[in-house]
Amino acid sequence: MPMSKMAQACEEAAHQHDRAAAHYRHSARHLAKGETAAAAKERDLALDHSEKARIDEVGLRPEAAAEKEARSEEAWRFMG
């Protein structure tokens, strides 16, 4: 994998992890206010971002990188 492509994958995974953390913080705030429905929605968004980060990280593994990259792109299209 070229270094620029690896750097881009790392940046995207980091961004998704940051988004997940932000949604978890919002979920905690909603729970503190007793807003369970809003907290569940934020938790679900956080889990989606965590899954997207995991998908991006698959492409960073050295074994069968090309095949995994194709699967990663497919999963991204599916997840939206």
Protein backbone atom coordinates (compact mmCIF):
# COMPACT_ATOMS: atom_id res chain seq x y z
CA MET A 1 0.00 0.00 0.00
CA PRO A 2 1.50 3.37 -0.94
CA MET A 3 2.30 5.59 2.01
CA SER A 4 -0.16 8.32 0.99
CA LYS A 5 -2.99 5.79 0.76
CA MET A 6 -2.03 4.38 4.16
CA ALA A 7 -1.94 7.86 5.66
CA GLN A 8 -5.37 8.57 4.22
CA ALA A 9 -6.77 5.34 5.68
CA CYS A 10 -5.27 6.17 9.08
CA GLU A 11 -6.78 9.66 8.98
CA GLU A 12 -10.20 8.33 8.05
CA ALA A 13 -10.13 5.71 10.81
CA ALA A 14 -9.05 8.35 13.33
CA HIS A 15 -11.86 10.63 12.20
CA GLN A 16 -14.42 7.85 12.66
CA HIS A 17 -13.06 7.10 16.15
CA ASP A 18 -13.37 10.80 17.02
CA ARG A 19 -16.97 10.88 15.78
CA ALA A 20 -17.79 7.77 17.81
CA ALA A 21 -16.34 9.34 20.94
CA ALA A 22 -18.39 12.51 20.38
CA HIS A 23 -21.60 10.49 20.04
CA TYR A 24 -20.80 8.56 23.22
CA ARG A 25 -20.33 11.87 25.08
CA HIS A 26 -23.67 13.11 23.77
CA SER A 27 -25.28 9.84 24.82
CA ALA A 28 -23.92 10.26 28.35
CA ARG A 29 -25.31 13.80 28.52
CA HIS A 30 -28.74 12.58 27.42
CA LEU A 31 -28.64 9.80 30.02
CA ALA A 32 -27.75 12.31 32.72
CA LYS A 33 -30.88 14.26 31.79
CA GLY A 34 -32.99 11.10 31.77
CA GLU A 35 -33.49 11.20 27.99
CA THR A 36 -33.14 7.50 27.24
CA ALA A 37 -34.45 7.59 23.66
CA ALA A 38 -32.01 10.31 22.63
CA ALA A 39 -29.19 8.50 24.46
CA ALA A 40 -29.96 5.28 22.57
CA LYS A 41 -29.93 7.14 19.25
CA GLU A 42 -26.53 8.68 20.03
CA ARG A 43 -25.21 5.28 21.14
CA ASP A 44 -26.34 3.73 17.85
CA LEU A 45 -24.59 6.49 15.91
CA ALA A 46 -21.44 5.90 17.95
CA LEU A 47 -21.55 2.20 17.16
CA ASP A 48 -21.94 2.96 13.45
CA HIS A 49 -18.86 5.20 13.51
CA SER A 50 -16.91 2.57 15.43
CA GLU A 51 -17.81 0.00 12.79
CA LYS A 52 -16.74 2.36 10.01
CA ALA A 53 -13.41 2.87 11.78
CA ARG A 54 -12.95 -0.89 12.07
CA ILE A 55 -13.67 -1.26 8.36
CA ASP A 56 -11.06 1.40 7.55
CA GLU A 57 -8.51 -0.32 9.78
CA VAL A 58 -8.92 -3.62 7.95
CA GLY A 59 -7.27 -2.00 4.93
CA LEU A 60 -4.20 -1.18 7.01
CA ARG A 61 -3.36 -4.80 7.74
CA PRO A 62 -0.53 -6.11 5.57
CA GLU A 63 -1.98 -9.53 4.70
CA ALA A 64 -4.17 -9.54 1.60
CA ALA A 65 -4.45 -5.76 1.66
CA ALA A 66 -5.87 -5.44 -1.85
CA GLU A 67 -8.67 -7.92 -1.19
CA LYS A 68 -9.50 -6.38 2.17
CA GLU A 69 -9.46 -2.88 0.68
CA ALA A 70 -12.09 -3.95 -1.85
CA ARG A 71 -14.23 -5.39 0.97
CA SER A 72 -13.71 -2.21 2.97
CA GLU A 73 -14.97 -0.04 0.11
CA GLU A 74 -17.97 -2.33 -0.36
CA ALA A 75 -18.83 -2.15 3.32
CA TRP A 76 -18.49 1.64 3.32
CA ARG A 77 -21.00 1.91 0.47
CA PHE A 78 -23.35 -0.41 2.34
CA MET A 79 -23.03 1.48 5.66
CA GLY A 80 -23.46 4.88 4.02
